[in-house]
């Protein structure tokens, strides 16, 4: 597997409140997490960093028990990933409770464990996971946002949701409450696959179809890095109204 990640403050913000971590356990096992913080300049960046680090610590602890996550079924991996997100929630919530200046801080979280043939994903908030298995890009996760709720209720079209001034209102976050509900997804693939984890600073400016075109060149280490840089550059050229983070993981089929 190949991977690369990049984050940028954007054109309007003074502080980057996004954080991401990528860990490679072997040529075939990678996990990654992207968090987009909120709660003031200090609170947002602290929340996203705390959540990302706590999430990774839990997966690293699990890996010592289950080397390379081998011989684990879907239920066991779901438990590990959801528990990692819940631990991230606990870490951020506790920090906010202990420090009045950090009260109310929180963060989105989208994390994944990529193994040959499958990718396991968890999310809270509106940071997203996309995937292209060779037949077109699609969104794996589902936004926990006010406009997505309206779309689900049939009160708003996807186009209207994208243009709405309320699109940044999220209905779930890591760290704002004592407990959090975490969504879990399993996506199978055969052969080549491209995965993208990103914050809404990217998707607010770059359409899904455009992301697909840019990622077509992500078939080498250089190509993946170039794709990340191009996506961020595109978002910035259209206003860069938020911090922008993109993490790309590529599984190439062995010849």
Foldseek 3Di string as FASTA:
>chain_A
DAKDKDWFFFDADPAQLKDKDKDDQDPFKIKMKIKQKDDDRVLSNVLNVLLRVQLVVLVVVVCVVVPSVPPDDPVVVVVSNVVSNFSSLQRLQVVLVVDVSNPQMWIKMWMWMGGPFKIKIKIWAAWWKWKDQPPAIDTFDQHQFPLSVCVVVVNAPPVRLLVDPRVRGGDTTRHNDNGGDMDMGMDGHDFKMKMKTKDVLQVSQAPRVRLRVLCVQVPDNVSNVSSNVVSSVRSNVRPRNGMIMMMMDMDHGDD
